[in-house]
Amino acid sequence: MAVAAEQRANVVSGAIREISHIATLPEITLKIVELVEDPKSTAQDLHKVISSDPALSTRILKVVNSSFYGLPGQIASINRAIVMLGLNAVKNIAIAASLAKLFRGGELTGNFSAKDLWTHANATAVCSKMLADSLKLGLSDEAFLAGLMHDIGIMVEMQFDRNKLTEVFEKLQAGATDMLALEEATFGANHQDFGAGLCERWKFPKSFAAVTGFHHRPLELAQGSRTLVCLVHIADRIAAEVAGGFRQDLANFDIEPAVRDEIKLTVEKLAEVKKALPEQLKNAANMLG
């Protein structure tokens, strides 16, 4: 078992080393993540960094004025945007802008394109935030970003070896149903492993490596580390069912009662979120384009 785990880790670290020129977040994004994670940082520190990047400043103002946040009146300054949104939300916008660039690469096969995966990532992000809000977990910003990143491992696979990933999707198209097993047979690891490896390389908080690494199996995590992963696990299935986009890694959209129970999500609340998701996605369209 230890040998298998070690081999898997070697495959992942080798792939991430190989694509390091692509899978690198811009310096400014990494600086923003560092600032927000540092308890001593202030809104003024964040303002200084963002103001040095006009494109990012413009994007943040566009987002803060979008219907997704529903804030009153037009906000014209970055300082005010940071105050209104909070440091974490601003961090998410910066990372979302960087991630959007990674999800380029067009259509790989008839049943997979990076654009569809980005559409699904956005829907999962919005749904994760909705679930966190609905359950009053105080995790809205974290849930949004975790949902956005959950399948980033597939982009690592695509950048690392397009031919192998094409092989996986061709087998799925031919009738295979277990994408994770196909990835493991083809790459020696699956997209959860690659996603967790990338989060570690980016020095993201451990909770994001847990989401990318366990979103198909949240109950395998230790009890205290499951909440965010269960949220994204459920949002992943709701988004695939309701919003379309990428869904090949899911044989079905069933949500186990044990996963719902873990975050105290009732069947009624689940139905409410499913029903409200399409409207919320319209509101978020400007933000995530």
Protein backbone atom coordinates (compact mmCIF):
# COMPACT_ATOMS: atom_id res chain seq x y z
CA MET A 1 0.00 0.00 0.00
CA ALA A 2 2.83 2.40 0.96
CA VAL A 3 4.60 1.66 -2.33
CA ALA A 4 1.44 2.44 -4.32
CA ALA A 5 1.01 5.73 -2.45
CA GLU A 6 4.66 6.61 -3.05
CA GLN A 7 4.39 5.83 -6.78
CA ARG A 8 1.27 7.98 -7.01
CA ALA A 9 3.05 10.85 -5.25
CA ASN A 10 5.99 10.53 -7.66
CA VAL A 11 3.66 10.65 -10.69
CA VAL A 12 1.97 13.79 -9.33
CA SER A 13 5.18 15.64 -8.40
CA GLY A 14 6.73 14.72 -11.77
CA ALA A 15 3.71 16.05 -13.68
CA ILE A 16 3.60 19.30 -11.72
CA ARG A 17 7.34 19.84 -12.19
CA GLU A 18 6.90 19.24 -15.93
CA ILE A 19 4.16 21.87 -16.31
CA SER A 20 5.49 24.39 -13.81
CA HIS A 21 5.77 27.08 -16.51
CA ILE A 22 2.00 26.77 -17.16
CA ALA A 23 0.63 25.89 -13.74
CA THR A 24 2.02 28.97 -12.04
CA LEU A 25 -0.24 31.58 -10.56
CA PRO A 26 0.79 35.16 -11.35
CA GLU A 27 3.04 36.68 -8.71
CA ILE A 28 0.38 39.23 -7.80
CA THR A 29 -2.19 36.49 -7.12
CA LEU A 30 0.22 34.60 -4.89
CA LYS A 31 1.00 37.85 -3.04
CA ILE A 32 -2.74 38.45 -2.49
CA VAL A 33 -3.22 34.89 -1.15
CA GLU A 34 -0.23 35.39 1.18
CA LEU A 35 -1.62 38.71 2.46
CA VAL A 36 -5.11 37.39 3.09
CA GLU A 37 -3.75 34.33 4.93
CA ASP A 38 -1.57 36.58 7.14
CA PRO A 39 -3.57 37.69 10.21
CA LYS A 40 -1.42 40.85 10.50
CA SER A 41 -2.38 42.14 7.01
CA THR A 42 -4.79 45.03 6.57
CA ALA A 43 -7.15 46.15 3.82
CA GLN A 44 -4.59 48.88 3.06
CA ASP A 45 -1.89 46.26 2.34
CA LEU A 46 -4.24 44.53 -0.07
CA HIS A 47 -5.17 47.82 -1.72
CA LYS A 48 -1.51 48.59 -2.40
CA VAL A 49 -0.94 45.27 -4.19
CA ILE A 50 -4.16 45.37 -6.25
CA SER A 51 -3.71 48.99 -7.30
CA SER A 52 -0.44 48.03 -9.01
CA ASP A 53 -2.40 45.89 -11.50
CA PRO A 54 -4.91 47.94 -13.54
CA ALA A 55 -6.50 44.86 -15.19
CA LEU A 56 -7.17 43.22 -11.83
CA SER A 57 -8.47 46.50 -10.37
CA THR A 58 -10.93 46.82 -13.26
CA ARG A 59 -12.09 43.23 -12.82
CA ILE A 60 -12.69 43.65 -9.09
CA LEU A 61 -14.76 46.80 -9.66
CA LYS A 62 -16.78 44.99 -12.34
CA VAL A 63 -17.47 42.12 -9.95
CA VAL A 64 -18.32 44.24 -6.92
CA ASN A 65 -20.87 46.12 -9.04
CA SER A 66 -22.39 42.94 -10.51
CA SER A 67 -25.78 41.61 -9.42
CA PHE A 68 -24.06 38.57 -7.85
CA TYR A 69 -23.18 40.61 -4.77
CA GLY A 70 -26.31 42.76 -4.85
CA LEU A 71 -24.61 45.74 -3.18
CA PRO A 72 -26.32 49.13 -3.21
CA GLY A 73 -25.07 51.81 -5.64
CA GLN A 74 -21.99 51.92 -7.83
CA ILE A 75 -18.63 51.37 -6.13
CA ALA A 76 -15.86 53.20 -7.92
CA SER A 77 -12.77 52.70 -5.72
CA ILE A 78 -10.75 49.58 -4.87
CA ASN A 79 -10.59 50.64 -1.20
CA ARG A 80 -14.37 50.73 -0.99
CA ALA A 81 -14.62 47.42 -2.87
CA ILE A 82 -12.29 45.76 -0.34
CA VAL A 83 -14.31 47.16 2.56
CA MET A 84 -17.64 46.08 1.01
CA LEU A 85 -16.56 42.61 -0.12
CA GLY A 86 -13.97 41.70 2.50
CA LEU A 87 -10.43 40.44 1.99
CA ASN A 88 -11.41 36.84 1.26
CA ALA A 89 -13.87 37.70 -1.51
CA VAL A 90 -11.30 39.96 -3.18
CA LYS A 91 -8.75 37.13 -2.97
CA ASN A 92 -11.26 34.83 -4.69
CA ILE A 93 -11.79 37.26 -7.56
CA ALA A 94 -8.02 37.53 -8.10
CA ILE A 95 -7.63 33.74 -8.10
CA ALA A 96 -10.68 33.27 -10.35
CA ALA A 97 -9.17 35.67 -12.88
CA SER A 98 -5.91 33.69 -12.84
CA LEU A 99 -7.62 30.29 -12.99
CA ALA A 100 -9.70 31.32 -16.01
CA LYS A 101 -6.45 31.58 -17.98
CA LEU A 102 -5.45 28.04 -16.99
CA PHE A 103 -8.75 26.66 -18.30
CA ARG A 104 -7.86 27.45 -21.89
CA GLY A 105 -6.93 24.81 -24.38
CA GLY A 106 -10.05 24.27 -26.43
CA GLU A 107 -11.69 20.95 -27.21
CA LEU A 108 -9.75 17.80 -26.50
CA THR A 109 -12.26 15.25 -27.77
CA GLY A 110 -15.93 15.29 -28.80
CA ASN A 111 -16.95 14.84 -25.15
CA PHE A 112 -14.48 17.15 -23.38
CA SER A 113 -13.41 20.76 -23.63
CA ALA A 114 -11.65 23.00 -21.11
CA LYS A 115 -14.47 25.54 -21.58
CA ASP A 116 -17.08 23.01 -20.40
CA LEU A 117 -14.92 22.23 -17.39
CA TRP A 118 -14.69 25.96 -16.53
CA THR A 119 -18.48 26.30 -16.90
CA HIS A 120 -18.90 23.40 -14.46
CA ALA A 121 -16.29 24.83 -12.07
CA ASN A 122 -18.19 28.14 -11.98
CA ALA A 123 -21.53 26.43 -11.34
CA THR A 124 -19.99 24.32 -8.56
CA ALA A 125 -18.47 27.46 -7.00
CA VAL A 126 -21.78 29.32 -6.99
CA CYS A 127 -23.63 26.28 -5.66
CA SER A 128 -21.04 25.68 -2.91
CA LYS A 129 -21.48 29.28 -1.76
CA MET A 130 -25.28 28.92 -1.84
CA LEU A 131 -25.12 25.78 0.30
CA ALA A 132 -22.74 27.42 2.79
CA ASP A 133 -25.05 30.50 3.01
CA SER A 134 -28.17 28.37 3.32
CA LEU A 135 -26.65 26.35 6.17
CA LYS A 136 -25.14 29.48 7.82
CA LEU A 137 -21.71 27.85 8.02
CA GLY A 138 -19.73 31.10 7.76
CA LEU A 139 -17.73 29.60 4.90
CA SER A 140 -19.16 31.43 1.88
CA ASP A 141 -15.92 32.77 0.38
CA GLU A 142 -13.96 29.62 1.10
CA ALA A 143 -16.75 27.43 -0.33
CA PHE A 144 -16.87 29.52 -3.52
CA LEU A 145 -13.15 29.19 -4.19
CA ALA A 146 -13.09 25.50 -3.24
CA GLY A 147 -15.90 24.83 -5.72
CA LEU A 148 -14.07 26.76 -8.42
CA MET A 149 -10.91 24.69 -7.91
CA HIS A 150 -12.24 21.21 -7.23
CA ASP A 151 -11.46 19.75 -10.70
CA ILE A 152 -8.22 21.69 -11.34
CA GLY A 153 -6.42 18.31 -11.41
CA ILE A 154 -7.97 17.59 -14.82
CA MET A 155 -6.23 20.68 -16.19
CA VAL A 156 -2.95 19.40 -14.74
CA GLU A 157 -3.52 16.14 -16.67
CA MET A 158 -4.37 18.06 -19.84
CA GLN A 159 -1.28 20.25 -19.66
CA PHE A 160 0.95 17.32 -18.71
CA ASP A 161 -0.11 14.73 -21.33
CA ARG A 162 -2.99 15.55 -23.68
CA ASN A 163 -2.72 12.16 -25.40
CA LYS A 164 -3.26 10.22 -22.19
CA LEU A 165 -6.23 12.39 -21.22
CA THR A 166 -7.68 11.98 -24.72
CA GLU A 167 -7.39 8.21 -24.22
CA VAL A 168 -9.36 8.48 -20.94
CA PHE A 169 -12.18 10.46 -22.57
CA GLU A 170 -12.32 8.20 -25.63
CA LYS A 171 -12.84 5.21 -23.34
CA LEU A 172 -15.59 7.09 -21.51
CA GLN A 173 -17.21 7.91 -24.83
CA ALA A 174 -17.04 4.23 -25.77
CA GLY A 175 -19.07 3.29 -22.69
CA ALA A 176 -16.69 3.12 -19.69
CA THR A 177 -18.18 4.82 -16.62
CA ASP A 178 -15.43 5.06 -13.99
CA MET A 179 -13.26 8.05 -14.94
CA LEU A 180 -11.10 7.87 -11.81
CA ALA A 181 -10.19 4.22 -12.45
CA LEU A 182 -9.34 5.06 -16.07
CA GLU A 183 -7.12 7.97 -14.98
CA GLU A 184 -5.29 5.72 -12.53
CA ALA A 185 -4.73 3.03 -15.17
CA THR A 186 -3.54 5.65 -17.70
CA PHE A 187 -1.60 8.20 -15.59
CA GLY A 188 -0.86 6.27 -12.40
CA ALA A 189 -2.94 8.81 -10.41
CA ASN A 190 -6.34 10.55 -10.77
CA HIS A 191 -7.41 14.18 -10.97
CA GLN A 192 -7.95 14.35 -7.19
CA ASP A 193 -4.26 13.52 -6.67
CA PHE A 194 -3.09 16.03 -9.28
CA GLY A 195 -5.37 18.75 -7.86
CA ALA A 196 -4.13 18.26 -4.30
CA GLY A 197 -0.54 18.34 -5.56
CA LEU A 198 -1.10 21.63 -7.37
CA CYS A 199 -2.71 23.22 -4.27
CA GLU A 200 0.32 22.21 -2.24
CA ARG A 201 2.66 23.70 -4.83
CA TRP A 202 0.69 26.95 -4.73
CA LYS A 203 0.91 26.90 -0.90
CA PHE A 204 -2.87 27.18 -0.60
CA PRO A 205 -4.49 26.44 2.78
CA LYS A 206 -4.73 22.68 3.52
CA SER A 207 -8.52 22.81 3.22
CA PHE A 208 -8.20 23.34 -0.56
CA ALA A 209 -5.86 20.36 -0.98
CA ALA A 210 -8.50 18.37 0.94
CA VAL A 211 -11.27 19.51 -1.44
CA THR A 212 -9.30 18.86 -4.63
CA GLY A 213 -8.00 15.56 -3.22
CA PHE A 214 -11.19 14.13 -1.67
CA HIS A 215 -14.20 15.67 -3.44
CA HIS A 216 -15.27 12.22 -4.69
CA ARG A 217 -14.84 10.58 -1.27
CA PRO A 218 -15.37 13.19 1.48
CA LEU A 219 -16.21 10.70 4.23
CA GLU A 220 -12.71 9.18 3.99
CA LEU A 221 -11.35 12.34 5.63
CA ALA A 222 -10.99 12.74 9.38
CA GLN A 223 -14.18 13.98 11.07
CA GLY A 224 -13.00 17.56 11.64
CA SER A 225 -11.93 18.10 8.01
CA ARG A 226 -15.08 17.12 6.14
CA THR A 227 -17.40 20.14 6.08
CA LEU A 228 -15.95 22.07 3.13
CA VAL A 229 -15.30 18.87 1.15
CA CYS A 230 -18.88 17.63 1.71
CA LEU A 231 -20.22 21.01 0.55
CA VAL A 232 -18.25 20.82 -2.70
CA HIS A 233 -19.06 17.11 -3.18
CA ILE A 234 -22.77 17.95 -3.07
CA ALA A 235 -22.43 21.13 -5.15
CA ASP A 236 -20.47 19.17 -7.79
CA ARG A 237 -23.45 16.84 -8.26
CA ILE A 238 -26.11 19.56 -8.18
CA ALA A 239 -24.15 21.64 -10.73
CA ALA A 240 -23.67 18.65 -13.05
CA GLU A 241 -27.39 17.86 -12.91
CA VAL A 242 -28.79 21.39 -13.10
CA ALA A 243 -26.24 23.46 -15.02
CA GLY A 244 -24.63 21.11 -17.52
CA GLY A 245 -20.98 21.60 -18.48
CA PHE A 246 -18.47 18.90 -17.60
CA ARG A 247 -19.87 15.81 -15.84
CA GLN A 248 -17.88 12.81 -17.08
CA ASP A 249 -16.30 12.04 -13.70
CA LEU A 250 -19.73 11.30 -12.19
CA ALA A 251 -21.41 7.97 -12.96
CA ASN A 252 -24.59 9.43 -11.39
CA PHE A 253 -25.73 12.54 -9.52
CA ASP A 254 -26.91 10.75 -6.37
CA ILE A 255 -26.09 12.40 -3.05
CA GLU A 256 -25.58 9.94 -0.21
CA PRO A 257 -27.65 10.66 2.90
CA ALA A 258 -24.50 10.21 5.02
CA VAL A 259 -22.81 13.12 3.18
CA ARG A 260 -25.90 15.31 3.62
CA ASP A 261 -26.09 14.39 7.30
CA GLU A 262 -22.44 15.39 7.76
CA ILE A 263 -23.37 19.05 7.05
CA LYS A 264 -26.98 18.78 8.33
CA LEU A 265 -28.46 19.44 4.87
CA THR A 266 -32.13 18.47 4.72
CA VAL A 267 -33.82 17.15 1.58
CA GLU A 268 -35.96 20.33 1.58
CA LYS A 269 -32.95 22.67 1.69
CA LEU A 270 -31.25 20.65 -1.04
CA ALA A 271 -34.33 21.05 -3.27
CA GLU A 272 -34.40 24.83 -2.58
CA VAL A 273 -30.75 25.24 -3.63
CA LYS A 274 -31.29 23.17 -6.80
CA LYS A 275 -34.26 25.31 -7.75
CA ALA A 276 -32.47 28.62 -7.09
CA LEU A 277 -29.18 27.72 -8.81
CA PRO A 278 -30.04 28.70 -12.43
CA GLU A 279 -31.00 32.25 -11.35
CA GLN A 280 -27.85 32.61 -9.23
CA LEU A 281 -25.75 31.47 -12.19
CA LYS A 282 -27.24 34.26 -14.31
CA ASN A 283 -26.25 36.77 -11.62
CA ALA A 284 -22.73 35.35 -11.49
CA ALA A 285 -22.20 35.33 -15.28
CA ASN A 286 -20.48 38.76 -15.32
CA MET A 287 -18.25 37.82 -12.49
CA LEU A 288 -16.90 34.60 -13.91
CA GLY A 289 -16.78 35.19 -17.64
